Amino acid sequence: GGSLRLSCGASGSIFSLNTMGWYRQAPGKERELVASHTSTGS
C-alpha cells in the first residue's frame, strides 16, 4: 500500500527521438515492461 519513486538519468550521445522507461524482473519470472515514455510524450 505504500509508495516509492524511481529515477533514471541519461547522459551521453542522446538524440531527439528516444524512449526511456523501466522493465522489471522477479526471481523465476520473465522480464516485463513496467512503463515507457517517448520523447514525444507518449
PDB file of all heavy atoms in Angstrom:
ATOM      1  N   GLY A   1       0.790  -1.216   0.000  1.00  0.00           N
ATOM      2  CA  GLY A   1       0.000   0.000   0.000  1.00  0.00           C
ATOM      3  C   GLY A   1       0.822   1.266   0.000  1.00  0.00           C
ATOM      4  O   GLY A   1       0.263   2.360  -0.182  1.00  0.00           O
ATOM      5  N   GLY A   2       2.114   1.143   0.191  1.00  0.00           N
ATOM      6  CA  GLY A   2       2.988   2.296   0.224  1.00  0.00           C
ATOM      7  C   GLY A   2       3.376   2.779  -1.153  1.00  0.00           C
ATOM      8  O   GLY A   2       2.923   2.261  -2.174  1.00  0.00           O
ATOM      9  N   SER A   3       4.259   3.782  -1.165  1.00  0.00           N
ATOM     10  CA  SER A   3       4.682   4.414  -2.401  1.00  0.00           C
ATOM     11  C   SER A   3       6.198   4.504  -2.465  1.00  0.00           C
ATOM     12  O   SER A   3       6.885   4.519  -1.439  1.00  0.00           O
ATOM     13  CB  SER A   3       4.096   5.825  -2.530  1.00  0.00           C
ATOM     14  OG  SER A   3       2.680   5.799  -2.575  1.00  0.00           O
ATOM     15  N   LEU A   4       6.691   4.586  -3.681  1.00  0.00           N
ATOM     16  CA  LEU A   4       8.112   4.706  -3.923  1.00  0.00           C
ATOM     17  C   LEU A   4       8.290   5.419  -5.256  1.00  0.00           C
ATOM     18  O   LEU A   4       7.445   5.270  -6.155  1.00  0.00           O
ATOM     19  CB  LEU A   4       8.757   3.323  -3.964  1.00  0.00           C
ATOM     20  CG  LEU A   4      10.211   3.146  -3.510  1.00  0.00           C
ATOM     21  CD1 LEU A   4      10.385   3.599  -2.066  1.00  0.00           C
ATOM     22  CD2 LEU A   4      10.616   1.688  -3.652  1.00  0.00           C
ATOM     23  N   ARG A   5       9.363   6.175  -5.393  1.00  0.00           N
ATOM     24  CA  ARG A   5       9.646   6.846  -6.654  1.00  0.00           C
ATOM     25  C   ARG A   5      11.042   6.487  -7.140  1.00  0.00           C
ATOM     26  O   ARG A   5      12.023   6.670  -6.420  1.00  0.00           O
ATOM     27  CB  ARG A   5       9.528   8.368  -6.528  1.00  0.00           C
ATOM     28  CG  ARG A   5       9.558   9.071  -7.894  1.00  0.00           C
ATOM     29  CD  ARG A   5       9.369  10.567  -7.800  1.00  0.00           C
ATOM     30  NE  ARG A   5      10.574  11.246  -7.345  1.00  0.00           N
ATOM     31  CZ  ARG A   5      10.872  12.510  -7.617  1.00  0.00           C
ATOM     32  NH1 ARG A   5      10.032  13.242  -8.346  1.00  0.00           N
ATOM     33  NH2 ARG A   5      11.986  13.050  -7.142  1.00  0.00           N
ATOM     34  N   LEU A   6      11.112   5.997  -8.360  1.00  0.00           N
ATOM     35  CA  LEU A   6      12.370   5.685  -9.007  1.00  0.00           C
ATOM     36  C   LEU A   6      12.759   6.817  -9.946  1.00  0.00           C
ATOM     37  O   LEU A   6      11.900   7.490 -10.511  1.00  0.00           O
ATOM     38  CB  LEU A   6      12.282   4.381  -9.794  1.00  0.00           C
ATOM     39  CG  LEU A   6      11.776   3.135  -9.071  1.00  0.00           C
ATOM     40  CD1 LEU A   6      11.840   1.932 -10.008  1.00  0.00           C
ATOM     41  CD2 LEU A   6      12.573   2.880  -7.806  1.00  0.00           C
ATOM     42  N   SER A   7      14.047   7.004 -10.123  1.00  0.00           N
ATOM     43  CA  SER A   7      14.537   7.975 -11.085  1.00  0.00           C
ATOM     44  C   SER A   7      15.617   7.337 -11.936  1.00  0.00           C
ATOM     45  O   SER A   7      16.317   6.422 -11.500  1.00  0.00           O
ATOM     46  CB  SER A   7      15.076   9.230 -10.394  1.00  0.00           C
ATOM     47  OG  SER A   7      16.213   8.928  -9.605  1.00  0.00           O
ATOM     48  N   CYS A   8      15.746   7.839 -13.152  1.00  0.00           N
ATOM     49  CA  CYS A   8      16.761   7.341 -14.076  1.00  0.00           C
ATOM     50  C   CYS A   8      17.218   8.495 -14.951  1.00  0.00           C
ATOM     51  O   CYS A   8      16.412   9.079 -15.680  1.00  0.00           O
ATOM     52  CB  CYS A   8      16.209   6.203 -14.935  1.00  0.00           C
ATOM     53  SG  CYS A   8      17.400   5.553 -16.135  1.00  0.00           S
ATOM     54  N   GLY A   9      18.495   8.804 -14.873  1.00  0.00           N
ATOM     55  CA  GLY A   9      19.074   9.880 -15.664  1.00  0.00           C
ATOM     56  C   GLY A   9      19.971   9.341 -16.752  1.00  0.00           C
ATOM     57  O   GLY A   9      20.771   8.432 -16.513  1.00  0.00           O
ATOM     58  N   ALA A  10      19.851   9.912 -17.940  1.00  0.00           N
ATOM     59  CA  ALA A  10      20.647   9.506 -19.090  1.00  0.00           C
ATOM     60  C   ALA A  10      21.634  10.604 -19.460  1.00  0.00           C
ATOM     61  O   ALA A  10      21.329  11.798 -19.368  1.00  0.00           O
ATOM     62  CB  ALA A  10      19.755   9.189 -20.286  1.00  0.00           C
ATOM     63  N   SER A  11      22.809  10.197 -19.899  1.00  0.00           N
ATOM     64  CA  SER A  11      23.811  11.132 -20.370  1.00  0.00           C
ATOM     65  C   SER A  11      24.582  10.500 -21.514  1.00  0.00           C
ATOM     66  O   SER A  11      24.609   9.282 -21.658  1.00  0.00           O
ATOM     67  CB  SER A  11      24.766  11.545 -19.244  1.00  0.00           C
ATOM     68  OG  SER A  11      25.475  10.425 -18.744  1.00  0.00           O
ATOM     69  N   GLY A  12      25.214  11.341 -22.326  1.00  0.00           N
ATOM     70  CA  GLY A  12      25.990  10.857 -23.447  1.00  0.00           C
ATOM     71  C   GLY A  12      25.426  11.304 -24.780  1.00  0.00           C
ATOM     72  O   GLY A  12      24.923  12.415 -24.909  1.00  0.00           O
ATOM     73  N   SER A  13      25.501  10.433 -25.765  1.00  0.00           N
ATOM     74  CA  SER A  13      25.084  10.746 -27.132  1.00  0.00           C
ATOM     75  C   SER A  13      23.594  10.505 -27.296  1.00  0.00           C
ATOM     76  O   SER A  13      23.166   9.480 -27.837  1.00  0.00           O
ATOM     77  CB  SER A  13      25.885   9.918 -28.133  1.00  0.00           C
ATOM     78  OG  SER A  13      27.277  10.176 -28.027  1.00  0.00           O
ATOM     79  N   ILE A  14      22.818  11.469 -26.844  1.00  0.00           N
ATOM     80  CA  ILE A  14      21.366  11.360 -26.846  1.00  0.00           C
ATOM     81  C   ILE A  14      20.796  12.130 -28.028  1.00  0.00           C
ATOM     82  O   ILE A  14      21.083  13.312 -28.200  1.00  0.00           O
ATOM     83  CB  ILE A  14      20.777  11.884 -25.532  1.00  0.00           C
ATOM     84  CG1 ILE A  14      21.315  11.067 -24.350  1.00  0.00           C
ATOM     85  CG2 ILE A  14      19.255  11.840 -25.579  1.00  0.00           C
ATOM     86  CD1 ILE A  14      20.937  11.631 -23.008  1.00  0.00           C
ATOM     87  N   PHE A  15      19.986  11.460 -28.828  1.00  0.00           N
ATOM     88  CA  PHE A  15      19.315  12.082 -29.959  1.00  0.00           C
ATOM     89  C   PHE A  15      17.894  12.475 -29.579  1.00  0.00           C
ATOM     90  O   PHE A  15      17.386  12.082 -28.523  1.00  0.00           O
ATOM     91  CB  PHE A  15      19.319  11.135 -31.164  1.00  0.00           C
ATOM     92  CG  PHE A  15      20.694  10.798 -31.651  1.00  0.00           C
ATOM     93  CD1 PHE A  15      21.286   9.591 -31.313  1.00  0.00           C
ATOM     94  CD2 PHE A  15      21.402  11.688 -32.433  1.00  0.00           C
ATOM     95  CE1 PHE A  15      22.554   9.275 -31.753  1.00  0.00           C
ATOM     96  CE2 PHE A  15      22.675  11.383 -32.877  1.00  0.00           C
ATOM     97  CZ  PHE A  15      23.253  10.179 -32.537  1.00  0.00           C
ATOM     98  N   SER A  16      17.263  13.246 -30.446  1.00  0.00           N
ATOM     99  CA  SER A  16      15.977  13.846 -30.114  1.00  0.00           C
ATOM    100  C   SER A  16      14.879  12.805 -29.894  1.00  0.00           C
ATOM    101  O   SER A  16      14.048  12.966 -28.998  1.00  0.00           O
ATOM    102  CB  SER A  16      15.551  14.816 -31.208  1.00  0.00           C
ATOM    103  OG  SER A  16      16.458  15.892 -31.328  1.00  0.00           O
ATOM    104  N   LEU A  17      14.855  11.770 -30.712  1.00  0.00           N
ATOM    105  CA  LEU A  17      13.808  10.766 -30.639  1.00  0.00           C
ATOM    106  C   LEU A  17      14.316   9.557 -29.859  1.00  0.00           C
ATOM    107  O   LEU A  17      15.253   8.874 -30.281  1.00  0.00           O
ATOM    108  CB  LEU A  17      13.359  10.345 -32.040  1.00  0.00           C
ATOM    109  CG  LEU A  17      12.761  11.449 -32.907  1.00  0.00           C
ATOM    110  CD1 LEU A  17      12.390  10.905 -34.275  1.00  0.00           C
ATOM    111  CD2 LEU A  17      11.538  12.059 -32.232  1.00  0.00           C
ATOM    112  N   ASN A  18      13.694   9.305 -28.733  1.00  0.00           N
ATOM    113  CA  ASN A  18      14.131   8.196 -27.902  1.00  0.00           C
ATOM    114  C   ASN A  18      12.996   7.760 -26.991  1.00  0.00           C
ATOM    115  O   ASN A  18      11.971   8.433 -26.876  1.00  0.00           O
ATOM    116  CB  ASN A  18      15.373   8.555 -27.078  1.00  0.00           C
ATOM    117  CG  ASN A  18      15.148   9.752 -26.180  1.00  0.00           C
ATOM    118  OD1 ASN A  18      14.434   9.650 -25.179  1.00  0.00           O
ATOM    119  ND2 ASN A  18      15.753  10.885 -26.538  1.00  0.00           N
ATOM    120  N   THR A  19      13.208   6.634 -26.350  1.00  0.00           N
ATOM    121  CA  THR A  19      12.259   6.100 -25.387  1.00  0.00           C
ATOM    122  C   THR A  19      13.008   5.709 -24.130  1.00  0.00           C
ATOM    123  O   THR A  19      14.083   5.095 -24.202  1.00  0.00           O
ATOM    124  CB  THR A  19      11.514   4.876 -25.948  1.00  0.00           C
ATOM    125  OG1 THR A  19      10.795   5.252 -27.126  1.00  0.00           O
ATOM    126  CG2 THR A  19      10.537   4.315 -24.924  1.00  0.00           C
ATOM    127  N   MET A  20      12.459   6.056 -22.999  1.00  0.00           N
ATOM    128  CA  MET A  20      13.012   5.657 -21.716  1.00  0.00           C
ATOM    129  C   MET A  20      11.916   5.026 -20.874  1.00  0.00           C
ATOM    130  O   MET A  20      10.734   5.338 -21.037  1.00  0.00           O
ATOM    131  CB  MET A  20      13.608   6.850 -20.964  1.00  0.00           C
ATOM    132  CG  MET A  20      14.778   7.519 -21.663  1.00  0.00           C
ATOM    133  SD  MET A  20      15.515   8.855 -20.679  1.00  0.00           S
ATOM    134  CE  MET A  20      16.231   7.918 -19.315  1.00  0.00           C
ATOM    135  N   GLY A  21      12.311   4.156 -19.982  1.00  0.00           N
ATOM    136  CA  GLY A  21      11.341   3.536 -19.107  1.00  0.00           C
ATOM    137  C   GLY A  21      11.980   2.478 -18.239  1.00  0.00           C
ATOM    138  O   GLY A  21      13.201   2.475 -18.023  1.00  0.00           O
ATOM    139  N   TRP A  22      11.132   1.591 -17.731  1.00  0.00           N
ATOM    140  CA  TRP A  22      11.589   0.514 -16.853  1.00  0.00           C
ATOM    141  C   TRP A  22      10.996  -0.822 -17.246  1.00  0.00           C
ATOM    142  O   TRP A  22       9.822  -0.910 -17.620  1.00  0.00           O
ATOM    143  CB  TRP A  22      11.184   0.789 -15.394  1.00  0.00           C
ATOM    144  CG  TRP A  22      12.078   1.700 -14.646  1.00  0.00           C
ATOM    145  CD1 TRP A  22      13.147   1.367 -13.883  1.00  0.00           C
ATOM    146  CD2 TRP A  22      11.952   3.126 -14.567  1.00  0.00           C
ATOM    147  NE1 TRP A  22      13.706   2.491 -13.339  1.00  0.00           N
ATOM    148  CE2 TRP A  22      12.996   3.587 -13.741  1.00  0.00           C
ATOM    149  CE3 TRP A  22      11.072   4.048 -15.117  1.00  0.00           C
ATOM    150  CZ2 TRP A  22      13.178   4.930 -13.446  1.00  0.00           C
ATOM    151  CZ3 TRP A  22      11.244   5.387 -14.828  1.00  0.00           C
ATOM    152  CH2 TRP A  22      12.286   5.817 -14.012  1.00  0.00           C
ATOM    153  N   TYR A  23      11.811  -1.838 -17.170  1.00  0.00           N
ATOM    154  CA  TYR A  23      11.386  -3.207 -17.088  1.00  0.00           C
ATOM    155  C   TYR A  23      11.689  -3.708 -15.676  1.00  0.00           C
ATOM    156  O   TYR A  23      12.506  -3.127 -14.967  1.00  0.00           O
ATOM    157  CB  TYR A  23      12.112  -4.092 -18.102  1.00  0.00           C
ATOM    158  CG  TYR A  23      11.591  -3.996 -19.514  1.00  0.00           C
ATOM    159  CD1 TYR A  23      11.857  -2.890 -20.313  1.00  0.00           C
ATOM    160  CD2 TYR A  23      10.836  -5.032 -20.063  1.00  0.00           C
ATOM    161  CE1 TYR A  23      11.381  -2.810 -21.605  1.00  0.00           C
ATOM    162  CE2 TYR A  23      10.364  -4.960 -21.354  1.00  0.00           C
ATOM    163  CZ  TYR A  23      10.636  -3.848 -22.119  1.00  0.00           C
ATOM    164  OH  TYR A  23      10.166  -3.779 -23.412  1.00  0.00           O
ATOM    165  N   ARG A  24      11.031  -4.776 -15.292  1.00  0.00           N
ATOM    166  CA  ARG A  24      11.332  -5.385 -14.006  1.00  0.00           C
ATOM    167  C   ARG A  24      11.411  -6.892 -14.160  1.00  0.00           C
ATOM    168  O   ARG A  24      10.829  -7.478 -15.068  1.00  0.00           O
ATOM    169  CB  ARG A  24      10.284  -5.018 -12.946  1.00  0.00           C
ATOM    170  CG  ARG A  24       8.907  -5.632 -13.168  1.00  0.00           C
ATOM    171  CD  ARG A  24       7.912  -5.123 -12.143  1.00  0.00           C
ATOM    172  NE  ARG A  24       6.606  -5.747 -12.281  1.00  0.00           N
ATOM    173  CZ  ARG A  24       5.526  -5.382 -11.600  1.00  0.00           C
ATOM    174  NH1 ARG A  24       5.598  -4.388 -10.718  1.00  0.00           N
ATOM    175  NH2 ARG A  24       4.373  -6.014 -11.791  1.00  0.00           N
ATOM    176  N   GLN A  25      12.139  -7.499 -13.244  1.00  0.00           N
ATOM    177  CA  GLN A  25      12.286  -8.945 -13.266  1.00  0.00           C
ATOM    178  C   GLN A  25      12.329  -9.474 -11.842  1.00  0.00           C
ATOM    179  O   GLN A  25      13.154  -9.051 -11.041  1.00  0.00           O
ATOM    180  CB  GLN A  25      13.549  -9.361 -14.017  1.00  0.00           C
ATOM    181  CG  GLN A  25      13.652 -10.861 -14.255  1.00  0.00           C
ATOM    182  CD  GLN A  25      14.675 -11.211 -15.315  1.00  0.00           C
ATOM    183  OE1 GLN A  25      15.636 -10.476 -15.533  1.00  0.00           O
ATOM    184  NE2 GLN A  25      14.466 -12.332 -15.993  1.00  0.00           N
ATOM    185  N   ALA A  26      11.426 -10.386 -11.554  1.00  0.00           N
ATOM    186  CA  ALA A  26      11.379 -11.069 -10.278  1.00  0.00           C
ATOM    187  C   ALA A  26      11.977 -12.462 -10.439  1.00  0.00           C
ATOM    188  O   ALA A  26      11.982 -13.021 -11.541  1.00  0.00           O
ATOM    189  CB  ALA A  26       9.944 -11.160  -9.768  1.00  0.00           C
ATOM    190  N   PRO A  27      12.476 -13.041  -9.351  1.00  0.00           N
ATOM    191  CA  PRO A  27      13.056 -14.385  -9.436  1.00  0.00           C
ATOM    192  C   PRO A  27      12.079 -15.387 -10.034  1.00  0.00           C
ATOM    193  O   PRO A  27      10.922 -15.469  -9.619  1.00  0.00           O
ATOM    194  CB  PRO A  27      13.384 -14.720  -7.982  1.00  0.00           C
ATOM    195  CG  PRO A  27      13.591 -13.395  -7.328  1.00  0.00           C
ATOM    196  CD  PRO A  27      12.602 -12.482  -7.992  1.00  0.00           C
ATOM    197  N   GLY A  28      12.546 -16.148 -11.015  1.00  0.00           N
ATOM    198  CA  GLY A  28      11.732 -17.159 -11.641  1.00  0.00           C
ATOM    199  C   GLY A  28      10.726 -16.650 -12.648  1.00  0.00           C
ATOM    200  O   GLY A  28       9.946 -17.450 -13.181  1.00  0.00           O
ATOM    201  N   LYS A  29      10.716 -15.359 -12.915  1.00  0.00           N
ATOM    202  CA  LYS A  29       9.771 -14.788 -13.854  1.00  0.00           C
ATOM    203  C   LYS A  29      10.502 -14.086 -14.992  1.00  0.00           C
ATOM    204  O   LYS A  29      11.660 -13.696 -14.858  1.00  0.00           O
ATOM    205  CB  LYS A  29       8.831 -13.800 -13.159  1.00  0.00           C
ATOM    206  CG  LYS A  29       7.935 -14.427 -12.098  1.00  0.00           C
ATOM    207  CD  LYS A  29       6.984 -13.409 -11.514  1.00  0.00           C
ATOM    208  CE  LYS A  29       6.050 -14.029 -10.496  1.00  0.00           C
ATOM    209  NZ  LYS A  29       5.107 -13.023  -9.929  1.00  0.00           N
ATOM    210  N   GLU A  30       9.802 -13.927 -16.100  1.00  0.00           N
ATOM    211  CA  GLU A  30      10.368 -13.222 -17.232  1.00  0.00           C
ATOM    212  C   GLU A  30      10.370 -11.722 -16.982  1.00  0.00           C
ATOM    213  O   GLU A  30       9.558 -11.190 -16.220  1.00  0.00           O
ATOM    214  CB  GLU A  30       9.577 -13.528 -18.503  1.00  0.00           C
ATOM    215  CG  GLU A  30       9.652 -14.966 -18.970  1.00  0.00           C
ATOM    216  CD  GLU A  30       8.927 -15.181 -20.277  1.00  0.00           C
ATOM    217  OE1 GLU A  30       8.221 -14.260 -20.726  1.00  0.00           O
ATOM    218  OE2 GLU A  30       9.073 -16.269 -20.861  1.00  0.00           O
ATOM    219  N   ARG A  31      11.291 -11.057 -17.635  1.00  0.00           N
ATOM    220  CA  ARG A  31      11.323  -9.608 -17.577  1.00  0.00           C
ATOM    221  C   ARG A  31      10.068  -9.046 -18.236  1.00  0.00           C
ATOM    222  O   ARG A  31       9.657  -9.502 -19.306  1.00  0.00           O
ATOM    223  CB  ARG A  31      12.583  -9.088 -18.270  1.00  0.00           C
ATOM    224  CG  ARG A  31      12.777  -7.589 -18.181  1.00  0.00           C
ATOM    225  CD  ARG A  31      14.066  -7.167 -18.872  1.00  0.00           C
ATOM    226  NE  ARG A  31      15.232  -7.783 -18.249  1.00  0.00           N
ATOM    227  CZ  ARG A  31      16.472  -7.586 -18.678  1.00  0.00           C
ATOM    228  NH1 ARG A  31      16.713  -6.798 -19.719  1.00  0.00           N
ATOM    229  NH2 ARG A  31      17.477  -8.191 -18.063  1.00  0.00           N
ATOM    230  N   GLU A  32       9.447  -8.064 -17.600  1.00  0.00           N
ATOM    231  CA  GLU A  32       8.223  -7.488 -18.124  1.00  0.00           C
ATOM    232  C   GLU A  32       8.300  -5.970 -18.144  1.00  0.00           C
ATOM    233  O   GLU A  32       8.957  -5.347 -17.305  1.00  0.00           O
ATOM    234  CB  GLU A  32       7.005  -7.931 -17.299  1.00  0.00           C
ATOM    235  CG  GLU A  32       7.011  -7.441 -15.867  1.00  0.00           C
ATOM    236  CD  GLU A  32       5.728  -7.758 -15.125  1.00  0.00           C
ATOM    237  OE1 GLU A  32       4.701  -8.032 -15.778  1.00  0.00           O
ATOM    238  OE2 GLU A  32       5.742  -7.738 -13.878  1.00  0.00           O
ATOM    239  N   LEU A  33       7.602  -5.398 -19.101  1.00  0.00           N
ATOM    240  CA  LEU A  33       7.538  -3.944 -19.201  1.00  0.00           C
ATOM    241  C   LEU A  33       6.748  -3.378 -18.031  1.00  0.00           C
ATOM    242  O   LEU A  33       5.656  -3.847 -17.718  1.00  0.00           O
ATOM    243  CB  LEU A  33       6.887  -3.528 -20.515  1.00  0.00           C
ATOM    244  CG  LEU A  33       6.622  -2.024 -20.670  1.00  0.00           C
ATOM    245  CD1 LEU A  33       7.935  -1.268 -20.844  1.00  0.00           C
ATOM    246  CD2 LEU A  33       5.692  -1.750 -21.845  1.00  0.00           C
ATOM    247  N   VAL A  34       7.294  -2.351 -17.410  1.00  0.00           N
ATOM    248  CA  VAL A  34       6.596  -1.619 -16.364  1.00  0.00           C
ATOM    249  C   VAL A  34       5.975  -0.358 -16.940  1.00  0.00           C
ATOM    250  O   VAL A  34       4.771  -0.136 -16.825  1.00  0.00           O
ATOM    251  CB  VAL A  34       7.533  -1.267 -15.197  1.00  0.00           C
ATOM    252  CG1 VAL A  34       6.782  -0.477 -14.131  1.00  0.00           C
ATOM    253  CG2 VAL A  34       8.142  -2.536 -14.605  1.00  0.00           C
ATOM    254  N   ALA A  35       6.803   0.481 -17.544  1.00  0.00           N
ATOM    255  CA  ALA A  35       6.324   1.731 -18.109  1.00  0.00           C
ATOM    256  C   ALA A  35       7.341   2.246 -19.111  1.00  0.00           C
ATOM    257  O   ALA A  35       8.533   1.969 -18.993  1.00  0.00           O
ATOM    258  CB  ALA A  35       6.087   2.780 -17.013  1.00  0.00           C
ATOM    259  N   SER A  36       6.868   3.013 -20.079  1.00  0.00           N
ATOM    260  CA  SER A  36       7.735   3.633 -21.060  1.00  0.00           C
ATOM    261  C   SER A  36       7.273   5.052 -21.336  1.00  0.00           C
ATOM    262  O   SER A  36       6.089   5.377 -21.176  1.00  0.00           O
ATOM    263  CB  SER A  36       7.779   2.825 -22.366  1.00  0.00           C
ATOM    264  OG  SER A  36       6.513   2.823 -23.003  1.00  0.00           O
ATOM    265  N   HIS A  37       8.213   5.880 -21.753  1.00  0.00           N
ATOM    266  CA  HIS A  37       7.932   7.280 -22.040  1.00  0.00           C
ATOM    267  C   HIS A  37       8.772   7.691 -23.237  1.00  0.00           C
ATOM    268  O   HIS A  37       9.996   7.648 -23.185  1.00  0.00           O
ATOM    269  CB  HIS A  37       8.262   8.151 -20.822  1.00  0.00           C
ATOM    270  CG  HIS A  37       7.751   9.555 -20.918  1.00  0.00           C
ATOM    271  ND1 HIS A  37       8.250  10.468 -21.822  1.00  0.00           N
ATOM    272  CD2 HIS A  37       6.784  10.209 -20.215  1.00  0.00           C
ATOM    273  CE1 HIS A  37       7.614  11.615 -21.678  1.00  0.00           C
ATOM    274  NE2 HIS A  37       6.723  11.485 -20.713  1.00  0.00           N
ATOM    275  N   THR A  38       8.106   8.086 -24.321  1.00  0.00           N
ATOM    276  CA  THR A  38       8.821   8.532 -25.503  1.00  0.00           C
ATOM    277  C   THR A  38       9.135  10.012 -25.392  1.00  0.00           C
ATOM    278  O   THR A  38       8.527  10.752 -24.612  1.00  0.00           O
ATOM    279  CB  THR A  38       8.021   8.286 -26.782  1.00  0.00           C
ATOM    280  OG1 THR A  38       6.927   9.214 -26.849  1.00  0.00           O
ATOM    281  CG2 THR A  38       7.482   6.868 -26.837  1.00  0.00           C
ATOM    282  N   SER A  39      10.086  10.460 -26.201  1.00  0.00           N
ATOM    283  CA  SER A  39      10.471  11.869 -26.195  1.00  0.00           C
ATOM    284  C   SER A  39       9.382  12.764 -26.750  1.00  0.00           C
ATOM    285  O   SER A  39       9.441  13.984 -26.556  1.00  0.00           O
ATOM    286  CB  SER A  39      11.769  12.069 -26.982  1.00  0.00           C
ATOM    287  OG  SER A  39      11.659  11.550 -28.295  1.00  0.00           O
ATOM    288  N   THR A  40       8.393  12.193 -27.431  1.00  0.00           N
ATOM    289  CA  THR A  40       7.261  12.960 -27.915  1.00  0.00           C
ATOM    290  C   THR A  40       6.110  12.992 -26.916  1.00  0.00           C
ATOM    291  O   THR A  40       5.074  13.598 -27.190  1.00  0.00           O
ATOM    292  CB  THR A  40       6.752  12.413 -29.251  1.00  0.00           C
ATOM    293  OG1 THR A  40       6.428  11.029 -29.119  1.00  0.00           O
ATOM    294  CG2 THR A  40       7.819  12.574 -30.329  1.00  0.00           C
ATOM    295  N   GLY A  41       6.271  12.326 -25.785  1.00  0.00           N
ATOM    296  CA  GLY A  41       5.298  12.416 -24.720  1.00  0.00           C
ATOM    297  C   GLY A  41       4.355  11.247 -24.576  1.00  0.00           C
ATOM    298  O   GLY A  41       3.494  11.268 -23.673  1.00  0.00           O
ATOM    299  N   SER A  42       4.478  10.235 -25.408  1.00  0.00           N
ATOM    300  CA  SER A  42       3.609   9.072 -25.291  1.00  0.00           C
ATOM    301  C   SER A  42       4.063   8.175 -24.153  1.00  0.00           C
ATOM    302  O   SER A  42       5.259   8.003 -23.930  1.00  0.00           O
ATOM    303  CB  SER A  42       3.589   8.284 -26.597  1.00  0.00           C
ATOM    304  OG  SER A  42       3.069   9.065 -27.658  1.00  0.00           O
TER     305      SER A  42
END
